[in-house]
Amino acid sequence: MPRLAANLSMMYTEHAFLERFTAAAADGFRGVEFLFPYDFTATEIKSRLDAHGLTQALFNAPPGDWAAGERGIASLPGREDEFRRGLDQALEYAAVLGNRHLHVMAGLIQPGQDRAAHWEVYVKNLALAARMAATAGVTVVIEPINPRDIPGFFLNRQDDAQAIRAEVGADNLKVQFDIYHCQIVEGDIAVKLERDMAGIGHIQVAGVPDRHEPDLGELNYPYLFQRIDALGYDGWIGCEYRPRAGTSEGLGWAQPYLTHR
């Protein structure tokens, strides 16, 4: 039975951010994730988690200048010092919030830039991140993202992500398997889950192609949840989708799982 975590960056946006914890808990979620915590203090967020018995499943390391369009800096040559400072900040938050998974975004590669140079920087930065995170008991995760949603994103494919993980060779570096992104780029979801499960650290879901609730679209999520269970995955499954209307009103698909928990 999947352990669902509400993504508070996309869900419950009808509420102010700190109020979304209350709404998610009221709907039966026991875990939450979000993109970034840095507009709030760690203690503010921790108080919301504790008040509602919620587990922080995941958040992202600082991504560079998000407002200017940056989507991570882990693969960007010349940004290594900034990357390390961001890791320090992220791990400070993780120590307070108690989450054991930290997503590090690769960033964008521009036309004409040297992919091999980006790859080299990415591997070195991830090795550093894994070493730093290991002392805190944290697993670093990397995520392939489809180029339709984020054009130019450096990492798009599951096999590339697994190759990078193998090259770094750290036990606490895993791949974040977002089923929505994988379906758009590659498909063959069940086979890839089986192939790569040993290297998967976090899973996310959304309907394809519109990124709404996972009850409409190309994928049979009840079947995929059964396959994920059969493969022995016991981590959180993040609900990273944009509700079609009200968040709570659209949770019919999740009720069997939320009620069970």
Protein backbone atom coordinates (compact mmCIF):
# COMPACT_ATOMS: atom_id res chain seq x y z
CA MET A 1 0.00 0.00 0.00
CA PRO A 2 1.62 3.31 -1.06
CA ARG A 3 2.62 5.87 1.56
CA LEU A 4 1.44 9.11 -0.01
CA ALA A 5 3.06 12.46 0.71
CA ALA A 6 1.27 15.65 -0.31
CA ASN A 7 3.39 18.02 -2.34
CA LEU A 8 2.66 21.36 -0.71
CA SER A 9 4.18 23.39 -3.54
CA MET A 10 1.54 22.15 -5.99
CA MET A 11 -1.31 20.98 -3.76
CA TYR A 12 -3.42 23.04 -1.34
CA THR A 13 -2.43 26.29 -3.04
CA GLU A 14 -5.84 27.64 -2.05
CA HIS A 15 -4.21 28.08 1.38
CA ALA A 16 -1.20 30.09 2.53
CA PHE A 17 1.88 27.87 2.66
CA LEU A 18 2.03 27.33 6.42
CA GLU A 19 -1.69 26.50 6.46
CA ARG A 20 -1.24 23.71 3.90
CA PHE A 21 0.17 21.38 6.57
CA THR A 22 -3.13 21.56 8.47
CA ALA A 23 -5.15 20.91 5.31
CA ALA A 24 -3.03 17.94 4.24
CA ALA A 25 -3.24 16.33 7.66
CA ALA A 26 -7.01 16.85 7.78
CA ASP A 27 -7.30 14.92 4.49
CA GLY A 28 -5.38 11.96 5.90
CA PHE A 29 -1.84 12.55 4.64
CA ARG A 30 0.92 11.57 7.03
CA GLY A 31 3.80 12.84 4.93
CA VAL A 32 4.53 16.04 3.00
CA GLU A 33 7.11 17.31 0.56
CA PHE A 34 7.67 20.65 -1.16
CA LEU A 35 10.20 22.38 -3.38
CA PHE A 36 11.94 24.81 -1.03
CA PRO A 37 11.65 25.73 2.66
CA TYR A 38 13.93 28.75 2.64
CA ASP A 39 11.31 31.52 2.82
CA PHE A 40 10.53 30.28 6.33
CA THR A 41 12.62 29.29 9.30
CA ALA A 42 13.14 25.60 9.90
CA THR A 43 11.51 25.93 13.33
CA GLU A 44 8.36 27.44 11.80
CA ILE A 45 7.98 24.49 9.49
CA LYS A 46 8.92 21.96 12.15
CA SER A 47 6.19 23.28 14.43
CA ARG A 48 3.60 22.61 11.68
CA LEU A 49 4.92 19.10 11.14
CA ASP A 50 4.84 18.28 14.84
CA ALA A 51 1.42 19.83 15.41
CA HIS A 52 -0.14 17.50 12.85
CA GLY A 53 1.97 14.36 13.18
CA LEU A 54 3.45 14.82 9.71
CA THR A 55 6.73 13.48 8.34
CA GLN A 56 8.83 15.67 6.07
CA ALA A 57 9.62 13.36 3.17
CA LEU A 58 11.65 15.56 0.83
CA PHE A 59 12.65 19.06 -0.20
CA ASN A 60 15.15 20.55 -2.65
CA ALA A 61 18.55 22.11 -2.11
CA PRO A 62 18.79 25.77 -3.18
CA PRO A 63 18.42 25.90 -7.00
CA GLY A 64 20.23 29.12 -7.86
CA ASP A 65 18.10 32.07 -8.94
CA TRP A 66 14.71 30.40 -9.35
CA ALA A 67 12.90 33.65 -10.14
CA ALA A 68 15.33 34.29 -13.00
CA GLY A 69 14.67 30.84 -14.45
CA GLU A 70 17.49 28.79 -12.98
CA ARG A 71 16.55 25.20 -12.15
CA GLY A 72 19.47 23.97 -10.10
CA ILE A 73 23.22 24.50 -10.25
CA ALA A 74 24.70 21.05 -9.58
CA SER A 75 25.94 20.60 -13.16
CA LEU A 76 26.93 24.22 -13.83
CA PRO A 77 30.67 24.88 -14.20
CA GLY A 78 31.90 27.76 -12.07
CA ARG A 79 29.12 27.51 -9.48
CA GLU A 80 30.79 24.94 -7.20
CA ASP A 81 31.26 27.24 -4.21
CA GLU A 82 27.64 28.36 -4.37
CA PHE A 83 26.56 24.74 -4.62
CA ARG A 84 28.45 23.83 -1.45
CA ARG A 85 27.00 26.77 0.46
CA GLY A 86 23.53 25.69 -0.63
CA LEU A 87 24.18 22.17 0.62
CA ASP A 88 25.20 23.55 4.01
CA GLN A 89 21.93 25.46 4.21
CA ALA A 90 19.83 22.51 3.05
CA LEU A 91 21.40 20.12 5.53
CA GLU A 92 20.82 22.60 8.35
CA TYR A 93 17.11 22.56 7.46
CA ALA A 94 17.08 18.78 7.13
CA ALA A 95 18.56 18.41 10.60
CA VAL A 96 15.64 20.36 12.05
CA LEU A 97 12.86 18.98 9.84
CA GLY A 98 14.01 15.39 10.17
CA ASN A 99 13.78 14.40 6.51
CA ARG A 100 16.23 11.84 5.19
CA HIS A 101 16.04 12.68 1.48
CA LEU A 102 17.32 15.82 -0.22
CA HIS A 103 16.75 16.53 -3.92
CA VAL A 104 19.61 18.22 -5.77
CA MET A 105 18.57 19.72 -9.11
CA ALA A 106 20.99 19.41 -12.02
CA GLY A 107 20.27 22.72 -13.76
CA LEU A 108 20.03 23.81 -17.38
CA ILE A 109 22.47 23.33 -20.22
CA GLN A 110 22.36 25.94 -22.96
CA PRO A 111 22.66 25.20 -26.70
CA GLY A 112 26.29 24.88 -27.67
CA GLN A 113 27.57 24.22 -24.15
CA ASP A 114 29.82 21.24 -23.51
CA ARG A 115 27.73 18.39 -22.10
CA ALA A 116 30.83 16.46 -21.04
CA ALA A 117 32.00 19.42 -18.94
CA HIS A 118 28.59 19.65 -17.26
CA TRP A 119 28.63 15.91 -16.61
CA GLU A 120 32.07 16.14 -14.98
CA VAL A 121 31.00 18.99 -12.69
CA TYR A 122 27.77 17.19 -11.87
CA VAL A 123 29.57 14.02 -10.81
CA LYS A 124 32.05 15.95 -8.64
CA ASN A 125 29.33 18.01 -6.99
CA LEU A 126 27.20 14.94 -6.32
CA ALA A 127 30.16 13.12 -4.78
CA LEU A 128 30.65 16.11 -2.49
CA ALA A 129 26.93 16.24 -1.68
CA ALA A 130 26.85 12.55 -0.84
CA ARG A 131 29.83 12.89 1.50
CA MET A 132 28.34 15.88 3.27
CA ALA A 133 24.91 14.29 3.52
CA ALA A 134 26.26 10.96 4.80
CA THR A 135 27.43 12.54 8.05
CA ALA A 136 23.83 13.66 8.64
CA GLY A 137 22.23 10.34 7.65
CA VAL A 138 20.68 11.95 4.55
CA THR A 139 20.29 10.43 1.08
CA VAL A 140 20.78 12.73 -1.91
CA VAL A 141 18.42 12.15 -4.83
CA ILE A 142 18.70 13.31 -8.45
CA GLU A 143 15.71 13.57 -10.78
CA PRO A 144 15.39 13.24 -14.54
CA ILE A 145 12.92 15.92 -15.69
CA ASN A 146 11.21 16.03 -19.07
CA PRO A 147 12.30 18.79 -21.49
CA ARG A 148 8.72 19.80 -22.21
CA ASP A 149 8.20 21.12 -18.68
CA ILE A 150 11.76 22.40 -18.26
CA PRO A 151 13.43 22.92 -21.64
CA GLY A 152 17.18 22.48 -21.47
CA PHE A 153 17.24 20.54 -18.21
CA PHE A 154 20.49 18.60 -18.06
CA LEU A 155 19.11 15.26 -16.85
CA ASN A 156 16.16 13.73 -18.72
CA ARG A 157 16.51 9.94 -18.68
CA GLN A 158 16.43 7.27 -16.01
CA ASP A 159 19.37 5.36 -17.48
CA ASP A 160 21.53 8.50 -17.45
CA ALA A 161 20.60 9.11 -13.82
CA GLN A 162 21.49 5.57 -12.88
CA ALA A 163 24.79 5.85 -14.77
CA ILE A 164 25.66 9.00 -12.84
CA ARG A 165 24.74 7.29 -9.58
CA ALA A 166 27.02 4.37 -10.45
CA GLU A 167 29.87 6.68 -11.43
CA VAL A 168 29.69 8.55 -8.13
CA GLY A 169 29.49 5.23 -6.30
CA ALA A 170 27.98 6.54 -3.06
CA ASP A 171 25.49 4.39 -1.18
CA ASN A 172 23.48 7.48 -0.20
CA LEU A 173 23.02 8.77 -3.75
CA LYS A 174 19.78 7.57 -5.34
CA VAL A 175 17.44 8.49 -8.19
CA GLN A 176 14.13 10.26 -7.74
CA PHE A 177 11.78 8.37 -10.06
CA ASP A 178 9.05 10.80 -11.08
CA ILE A 179 6.61 8.65 -13.05
CA TYR A 180 5.11 11.68 -14.81
CA HIS A 181 8.47 12.79 -16.23
CA CYS A 182 9.52 9.25 -17.12
CA GLN A 183 6.31 8.55 -19.03
CA ILE A 184 6.74 11.70 -21.14
CA VAL A 185 10.38 11.00 -22.01
CA GLU A 186 10.56 7.21 -22.10
CA GLY A 187 7.44 5.28 -21.10
CA ASP A 188 7.68 1.58 -20.20
CA ILE A 189 7.25 2.57 -16.56
CA ALA A 190 6.76 -0.83 -14.91
CA VAL A 191 9.82 -2.31 -16.60
CA LYS A 192 12.02 0.64 -15.62
CA LEU A 193 10.81 0.48 -12.03
CA GLU A 194 11.78 -3.19 -11.91
CA ARG A 195 15.12 -2.57 -13.62
CA ASP A 196 16.15 0.32 -11.39
CA MET A 197 14.40 -0.22 -8.05
CA ALA A 198 17.64 -0.85 -6.14
CA GLY A 199 18.79 2.65 -7.12
CA ILE A 200 15.51 4.49 -6.52
CA GLY A 201 15.28 6.67 -3.43
CA HIS A 202 11.98 8.49 -3.92
CA ILE A 203 8.95 8.20 -6.22
CA GLN A 204 6.53 10.88 -7.41
CA VAL A 205 3.25 10.67 -9.32
CA ALA A 206 0.95 12.81 -11.46
CA GLY A 207 -1.48 12.28 -14.31
CA VAL A 208 -0.07 12.32 -17.83
CA PRO A 209 -0.17 14.45 -19.93
CA ASP A 210 -1.78 17.28 -17.94
CA ARG A 211 -0.10 16.83 -14.51
CA HIS A 212 -3.39 16.74 -12.65
CA GLU A 213 -4.62 14.01 -10.30
CA PRO A 214 -3.33 10.55 -11.23
CA ASP A 215 -6.83 9.22 -11.90
CA LEU A 216 -7.04 10.27 -15.56
CA GLY A 217 -4.64 10.01 -18.44
CA GLU A 218 -2.22 7.53 -19.94
CA LEU A 219 -1.21 5.59 -16.84
CA ASN A 220 -2.87 2.91 -14.73
CA TYR A 221 -1.72 4.00 -11.29
CA PRO A 222 -3.48 1.28 -9.25
CA TYR A 223 -1.52 -1.26 -11.27
CA LEU A 224 1.73 0.68 -10.85
CA PHE A 225 1.18 0.96 -7.09
CA GLN A 226 0.78 -2.82 -6.95
CA ARG A 227 4.00 -3.29 -8.90
CA ILE A 228 5.85 -0.84 -6.64
CA ASP A 229 4.65 -2.76 -3.57
CA ALA A 230 5.68 -6.07 -5.13
CA LEU A 231 9.16 -4.69 -5.78
CA GLY A 232 9.56 -3.96 -2.08
CA TYR A 233 9.60 -0.16 -2.16
CA ASP A 234 8.61 1.19 1.26
CA GLY A 235 9.45 4.88 0.86
CA TRP A 236 7.15 7.84 0.35
CA ILE A 237 5.34 8.50 -2.92
CA GLY A 238 5.06 12.22 -3.50
CA CYS A 239 1.87 13.56 -5.07
CA GLU A 240 3.47 16.23 -7.24
CA TYR A 241 0.51 17.32 -9.32
CA ARG A 242 -1.67 20.38 -9.91
CA PRO A 243 -5.25 19.66 -8.79
CA ARG A 244 -7.88 20.23 -11.45
CA ALA A 245 -9.99 22.20 -8.95
CA GLY A 246 -9.95 22.12 -5.15
CA THR A 247 -7.24 19.88 -3.71
CA SER A 248 -9.44 18.13 -1.15
CA GLU A 249 -12.28 17.66 -3.63
CA GLY A 250 -9.94 15.87 -6.02
CA LEU A 251 -8.65 13.26 -3.57
CA GLY A 252 -11.16 10.54 -4.38
CA TRP A 253 -8.42 8.54 -6.11
CA ALA A 254 -6.30 8.59 -2.91
CA GLN A 255 -8.94 7.72 -0.33
CA PRO A 256 -8.24 3.96 -0.23
CA TYR A 257 -4.59 4.69 0.56
CA LEU A 258 -5.14 7.57 2.96
CA THR A 259 -7.87 5.66 4.86
CA HIS A 260 -5.62 2.63 5.13
CA ARG A 261 -2.86 4.69 6.67
